[in-house]
Amino acid sequence: MKGFRLLAVAAAVLVISIPASARFYLTDSDFAYLATLNFDTSKSIIRSLGPREEAMLHAAINDQKTEKNPSDRAKIVTDTLGQFMSHRRWEQMHPGQFWEDQPVDDRGVRN
């Protein structure tokens, strides 16, 4: 019984600590980088990103493949934000639906 309690406590500590250590939200350095690209970080698009979008943007900003090529990194980050804005516009035009849920035709293109 005592072993079970110890195991339960260890599992609880693990469950609580993983989300805190696995955060992929935008960091202060990410916001500083966006400012160098003249993105207004107070705009609603950046402040209203979901966790998955923040993780994608964080990964684009911190991609080691583009570390030595700032122009490629800037293009990828700009394109990523443009894609997010495009998805938001679609969702605003289709209330109650999500961009990810829109039908896909035979070629794999979203309608």
N, C-alpha and C. Protein backbone atom coordinates (compact mmCIF):
# COMPACT_ATOMS: atom_id res chain seq x y z
N MET A 1 0.83 -1.20 0.00
CA MET A 1 0.00 0.00 0.00
C MET A 1 0.87 1.25 0.00
N LYS A 2 1.96 1.21 0.80
CA LYS A 2 2.84 2.37 0.87
C LYS A 2 3.52 2.61 -0.48
N GLY A 3 3.87 1.52 -1.18
CA GLY A 3 4.49 1.62 -2.51
C GLY A 3 3.53 2.26 -3.50
N PHE A 4 2.25 1.93 -3.38
CA PHE A 4 1.24 2.51 -4.26
C PHE A 4 1.13 4.02 -4.06
N ARG A 5 1.15 4.46 -2.81
CA ARG A 5 1.09 5.90 -2.51
C ARG A 5 2.30 6.63 -3.09
N LEU A 6 3.46 6.03 -2.92
CA LEU A 6 4.69 6.63 -3.44
C LEU A 6 4.63 6.73 -4.96
N LEU A 7 4.12 5.69 -5.60
CA LEU A 7 3.98 5.69 -7.05
C LEU A 7 2.98 6.77 -7.49
N ALA A 8 1.88 6.91 -6.76
CA ALA A 8 0.88 7.92 -7.09
C ALA A 8 1.45 9.33 -6.95
N VAL A 9 2.21 9.57 -5.88
CA VAL A 9 2.83 10.88 -5.68
C VAL A 9 3.84 11.17 -6.80
N ALA A 10 4.64 10.17 -7.15
CA ALA A 10 5.62 10.35 -8.22
C ALA A 10 4.93 10.65 -9.54
N ALA A 11 3.84 9.95 -9.83
CA ALA A 11 3.09 10.20 -11.06
C ALA A 11 2.49 11.60 -11.07
N ALA A 12 1.98 12.05 -9.93
CA ALA A 12 1.40 13.39 -9.84
C ALA A 12 2.47 14.46 -10.07
N VAL A 13 3.64 14.28 -9.49
CA VAL A 13 4.73 15.23 -9.69
C VAL A 13 5.13 15.26 -11.16
N LEU A 14 5.19 14.11 -11.79
CA LEU A 14 5.54 14.02 -13.20
C LEU A 14 4.51 14.73 -14.07
N VAL A 15 3.24 14.50 -13.82
CA VAL A 15 2.17 15.12 -14.59
C VAL A 15 2.20 16.64 -14.45
N ILE A 16 2.49 17.12 -13.25
CA ILE A 16 2.52 18.56 -13.01
C ILE A 16 3.75 19.20 -13.64
N SER A 17 4.88 18.51 -13.60
CA SER A 17 6.13 19.12 -14.08
C SER A 17 6.29 19.07 -15.58
N ILE A 18 5.71 18.11 -16.27
CA ILE A 18 5.91 18.01 -17.72
C ILE A 18 5.34 19.21 -18.46
N PRO A 19 4.09 19.63 -18.24
CA PRO A 19 3.61 20.79 -18.98
C PRO A 19 4.45 22.04 -18.76
N ALA A 20 4.95 22.23 -17.55
CA ALA A 20 5.75 23.42 -17.28
C ALA A 20 7.08 23.36 -18.03
N SER A 21 7.66 22.18 -18.14
CA SER A 21 8.95 22.07 -18.81
C SER A 21 8.80 21.95 -20.32
N ALA A 22 7.63 21.61 -20.80
CA ALA A 22 7.43 21.41 -22.24
C ALA A 22 6.73 22.59 -22.91
N ARG A 23 6.82 23.75 -22.32
CA ARG A 23 6.18 24.93 -22.91
C ARG A 23 6.89 25.33 -24.18
N PHE A 24 6.13 25.59 -25.19
CA PHE A 24 6.69 26.04 -26.45
C PHE A 24 6.10 27.39 -26.82
N TYR A 25 5.66 28.12 -25.83
CA TYR A 25 5.06 29.41 -26.11
C TYR A 25 6.13 30.40 -26.52
N LEU A 26 5.70 31.50 -27.09
CA LEU A 26 6.65 32.51 -27.56
C LEU A 26 7.41 33.11 -26.38
N THR A 27 8.68 33.23 -26.56
CA THR A 27 9.55 33.76 -25.52
C THR A 27 9.80 35.25 -25.76
N ASP A 28 10.44 35.89 -24.80
CA ASP A 28 10.80 37.30 -24.97
C ASP A 28 11.71 37.48 -26.17
N SER A 29 12.62 36.54 -26.39
CA SER A 29 13.51 36.65 -27.55
C SER A 29 12.74 36.48 -28.86
N ASP A 30 11.66 35.67 -28.85
CA ASP A 30 10.81 35.55 -30.05
C ASP A 30 10.15 36.88 -30.36
N PHE A 31 9.61 37.52 -29.32
CA PHE A 31 8.98 38.83 -29.52
C PHE A 31 10.00 39.87 -29.99
N ALA A 32 11.21 39.80 -29.47
CA ALA A 32 12.26 40.72 -29.90
C ALA A 32 12.59 40.49 -31.37
N TYR A 33 12.65 39.23 -31.79
CA TYR A 33 12.92 38.92 -33.19
C TYR A 33 11.80 39.46 -34.09
N LEU A 34 10.55 39.25 -33.68
CA LEU A 34 9.41 39.75 -34.46
C LEU A 34 9.48 41.27 -34.57
N ALA A 35 9.93 41.94 -33.52
CA ALA A 35 10.06 43.40 -33.57
C ALA A 35 11.13 43.81 -34.58
N THR A 36 12.20 43.02 -34.74
CA THR A 36 13.23 43.36 -35.74
C THR A 36 12.67 43.24 -37.16
N LEU A 37 11.62 42.43 -37.32
CA LEU A 37 10.96 42.31 -38.63
C LEU A 37 9.83 43.31 -38.80
N ASN A 38 9.72 44.23 -37.83
CA ASN A 38 8.70 45.27 -37.83
C ASN A 38 7.28 44.73 -37.70
N PHE A 39 7.14 43.60 -37.02
CA PHE A 39 5.81 43.10 -36.67
C PHE A 39 5.39 43.75 -35.39
N ASP A 40 4.20 44.30 -35.37
CA ASP A 40 3.66 44.89 -34.15
C ASP A 40 3.18 43.75 -33.27
N THR A 41 3.93 43.46 -32.23
CA THR A 41 3.61 42.31 -31.39
C THR A 41 2.37 42.54 -30.53
N SER A 42 1.84 43.74 -30.55
CA SER A 42 0.59 43.97 -29.82
C SER A 42 -0.63 43.67 -30.69
N LYS A 43 -0.41 43.39 -31.96
CA LYS A 43 -1.53 43.07 -32.86
C LYS A 43 -2.23 41.81 -32.39
N SER A 44 -3.51 41.75 -32.65
CA SER A 44 -4.30 40.64 -32.15
C SER A 44 -3.89 39.30 -32.76
N ILE A 45 -3.35 39.29 -33.98
CA ILE A 45 -2.97 38.01 -34.58
C ILE A 45 -1.90 37.32 -33.76
N ILE A 46 -0.93 38.06 -33.28
CA ILE A 46 0.14 37.44 -32.50
C ILE A 46 -0.34 37.12 -31.09
N ARG A 47 -1.14 37.98 -30.52
CA ARG A 47 -1.62 37.77 -29.14
C ARG A 47 -2.70 36.69 -29.07
N SER A 48 -3.33 36.36 -30.20
CA SER A 48 -4.42 35.39 -30.16
C SER A 48 -4.05 34.04 -30.77
N LEU A 49 -2.76 33.79 -30.94
CA LEU A 49 -2.34 32.50 -31.47
C LEU A 49 -2.64 31.40 -30.45
N GLY A 50 -3.04 30.27 -30.96
CA GLY A 50 -3.25 29.11 -30.10
C GLY A 50 -1.93 28.44 -29.78
N PRO A 51 -1.94 27.48 -28.87
CA PRO A 51 -0.69 26.81 -28.48
C PRO A 51 0.03 26.15 -29.66
N ARG A 52 -0.71 25.53 -30.56
CA ARG A 52 -0.09 24.88 -31.71
C ARG A 52 0.54 25.91 -32.64
N GLU A 53 -0.16 27.02 -32.85
CA GLU A 53 0.38 28.08 -33.72
C GLU A 53 1.61 28.73 -33.08
N GLU A 54 1.55 28.95 -31.77
CA GLU A 54 2.72 29.51 -31.08
C GLU A 54 3.91 28.58 -31.19
N ALA A 55 3.66 27.28 -31.05
CA ALA A 55 4.75 26.32 -31.17
C ALA A 55 5.35 26.34 -32.57
N MET A 56 4.50 26.45 -33.59
CA MET A 56 4.99 26.50 -34.98
C MET A 56 5.80 27.78 -35.22
N LEU A 57 5.30 28.90 -34.72
CA LEU A 57 6.01 30.17 -34.90
C LEU A 57 7.33 30.16 -34.14
N HIS A 58 7.31 29.65 -32.92
CA HIS A 58 8.54 29.55 -32.12
C HIS A 58 9.57 28.69 -32.85
N ALA A 59 9.12 27.58 -33.42
CA ALA A 59 10.02 26.69 -34.16
C ALA A 59 10.59 27.38 -35.39
N ALA A 60 9.76 28.15 -36.10
CA ALA A 60 10.24 28.87 -37.29
C ALA A 60 11.27 29.93 -36.91
N ILE A 61 11.04 30.62 -35.82
CA ILE A 61 11.96 31.67 -35.39
C ILE A 61 13.29 31.07 -34.93
N ASN A 62 13.24 29.92 -34.30
CA ASN A 62 14.44 29.33 -33.69
C ASN A 62 14.99 28.14 -34.48
N ASP A 63 14.61 28.03 -35.74
CA ASP A 63 15.07 26.91 -36.57
C ASP A 63 16.58 27.00 -36.80
N GLN A 64 17.29 25.98 -36.40
CA GLN A 64 18.75 25.99 -36.53
C GLN A 64 19.21 25.91 -37.98
N LYS A 65 18.35 25.40 -38.87
CA LYS A 65 18.72 25.31 -40.28
C LYS A 65 18.87 26.69 -40.92
N THR A 66 18.12 27.66 -40.41
CA THR A 66 18.17 29.01 -40.98
C THR A 66 18.96 29.98 -40.11
N GLU A 67 19.66 29.45 -39.13
CA GLU A 67 20.39 30.30 -38.19
C GLU A 67 21.42 31.19 -38.91
N LYS A 68 22.06 30.66 -39.93
CA LYS A 68 23.10 31.41 -40.63
C LYS A 68 22.58 32.13 -41.87
N ASN A 69 21.28 32.05 -42.11
CA ASN A 69 20.69 32.73 -43.26
C ASN A 69 19.48 33.53 -42.81
N PRO A 70 19.70 34.75 -42.31
CA PRO A 70 18.60 35.53 -41.74
C PRO A 70 17.49 35.85 -42.74
N SER A 71 17.82 35.99 -44.02
CA SER A 71 16.76 36.31 -44.99
C SER A 71 15.81 35.13 -45.17
N ASP A 72 16.35 33.91 -45.17
CA ASP A 72 15.48 32.73 -45.26
C ASP A 72 14.60 32.62 -44.02
N ARG A 73 15.20 32.87 -42.85
CA ARG A 73 14.44 32.80 -41.61
C ARG A 73 13.32 33.84 -41.61
N ALA A 74 13.64 35.05 -42.03
CA ALA A 74 12.62 36.11 -42.06
C ALA A 74 11.49 35.74 -43.00
N LYS A 75 11.81 35.16 -44.16
CA LYS A 75 10.77 34.76 -45.11
C LYS A 75 9.89 33.66 -44.53
N ILE A 76 10.51 32.68 -43.89
CA ILE A 76 9.73 31.58 -43.31
C ILE A 76 8.81 32.09 -42.20
N VAL A 77 9.32 32.97 -41.35
CA VAL A 77 8.50 33.52 -40.26
C VAL A 77 7.36 34.36 -40.84
N THR A 78 7.67 35.19 -41.83
CA THR A 78 6.64 36.03 -42.46
C THR A 78 5.58 35.16 -43.13
N ASP A 79 6.00 34.12 -43.84
CA ASP A 79 5.05 33.22 -44.49
C ASP A 79 4.19 32.49 -43.47
N THR A 80 4.79 32.09 -42.36
CA THR A 80 4.05 31.39 -41.30
C THR A 80 2.96 32.30 -40.73
N LEU A 81 3.32 33.55 -40.44
CA LEU A 81 2.31 34.50 -39.92
C LEU A 81 1.25 34.78 -40.97
N GLY A 82 1.64 34.87 -42.23
CA GLY A 82 0.66 35.07 -43.31
C GLY A 82 -0.32 33.92 -43.40
N GLN A 83 0.20 32.71 -43.22
CA GLN A 83 -0.67 31.53 -43.24
C GLN A 83 -1.67 31.58 -42.09
N PHE A 84 -1.20 31.95 -40.89
CA PHE A 84 -2.10 32.06 -39.75
C PHE A 84 -3.19 33.09 -40.02
N MET A 85 -2.81 34.25 -40.59
CA MET A 85 -3.81 35.30 -40.88
C MET A 85 -4.81 34.81 -41.92
N SER A 86 -4.34 34.06 -42.91
CA SER A 86 -5.24 33.50 -43.92
C SER A 86 -6.25 32.55 -43.28
N HIS A 87 -5.77 31.72 -42.37
CA HIS A 87 -6.66 30.78 -41.68
C HIS A 87 -7.69 31.53 -40.84
N ARG A 88 -7.25 32.59 -40.17
CA ARG A 88 -8.18 33.39 -39.35
C ARG A 88 -9.26 34.05 -40.21
N ARG A 89 -8.86 34.59 -41.37
CA ARG A 89 -9.86 35.19 -42.26
C ARG A 89 -10.89 34.17 -42.69
N TRP A 90 -10.43 32.97 -43.05
CA TRP A 90 -11.35 31.92 -43.47
C TRP A 90 -12.30 31.59 -42.34
N GLU A 91 -11.79 31.46 -41.12
CA GLU A 91 -12.63 31.11 -39.98
C GLU A 91 -13.64 32.22 -39.67
N GLN A 92 -13.26 33.48 -39.90
CA GLN A 92 -14.20 34.59 -39.69
C GLN A 92 -15.30 34.57 -40.74
N MET A 93 -14.97 34.13 -41.95
CA MET A 93 -15.97 34.06 -43.02
C MET A 93 -16.86 32.83 -42.88
N HIS A 94 -16.45 31.87 -42.07
CA HIS A 94 -17.20 30.64 -41.86
C HIS A 94 -17.38 30.42 -40.36
N PRO A 95 -18.26 31.21 -39.73
CA PRO A 95 -18.43 31.11 -38.27
C PRO A 95 -18.80 29.70 -37.82
N GLY A 96 -18.21 29.30 -36.71
CA GLY A 96 -18.51 27.99 -36.15
C GLY A 96 -17.69 26.86 -36.77
N GLN A 97 -16.88 27.19 -37.78
CA GLN A 97 -16.04 26.18 -38.41
C GLN A 97 -14.58 26.51 -38.19
N PHE A 98 -13.74 25.51 -38.28
CA PHE A 98 -12.31 25.72 -38.16
C PHE A 98 -11.65 25.41 -39.49
N TRP A 99 -10.60 26.17 -39.80
CA TRP A 99 -9.91 25.99 -41.06
C TRP A 99 -9.45 24.55 -41.25
N GLU A 100 -8.98 23.94 -40.19
CA GLU A 100 -8.49 22.57 -40.27
C GLU A 100 -9.57 21.58 -40.64
N ASP A 101 -10.85 21.94 -40.41
CA ASP A 101 -11.96 21.02 -40.65
C ASP A 101 -12.59 21.19 -42.03
N GLN A 102 -12.10 22.13 -42.83
CA GLN A 102 -12.74 22.34 -44.13
C GLN A 102 -12.48 21.14 -45.04
N PRO A 103 -13.42 20.86 -45.93
CA PRO A 103 -13.30 19.67 -46.78
C PRO A 103 -12.07 19.74 -47.70
N VAL A 104 -11.55 18.57 -48.02
CA VAL A 104 -10.40 18.45 -48.91
C VAL A 104 -10.87 17.74 -50.17
N ASP A 105 -10.50 18.27 -51.37
CA ASP A 105 -10.90 17.61 -52.62
C ASP A 105 -9.96 16.44 -52.93
N ASP A 106 -10.15 15.83 -54.11
CA ASP A 106 -9.37 14.65 -54.50
C ASP A 106 -7.87 14.91 -54.58
N ARG A 107 -7.49 16.16 -54.84
CA ARG A 107 -6.08 16.51 -54.98
C ARG A 107 -5.46 16.86 -53.62
N GLY A 108 -6.25 16.86 -52.57
CA GLY A 108 -5.74 17.22 -51.24
C GLY A 108 -5.78 18.71 -50.98
N VAL A 109 -6.54 19.45 -51.81
CA VAL A 109 -6.63 20.91 -51.66
C VAL A 109 -7.88 21.23 -50.85
N ARG A 110 -7.71 22.13 -49.88
CA ARG A 110 -8.87 22.53 -49.06
C ARG A 110 -9.77 23.44 -49.87
N ASN A 111 -11.08 23.20 -49.75
CA ASN A 111 -12.07 24.01 -50.51
C ASN A 111 -12.40 25.29 -49.79
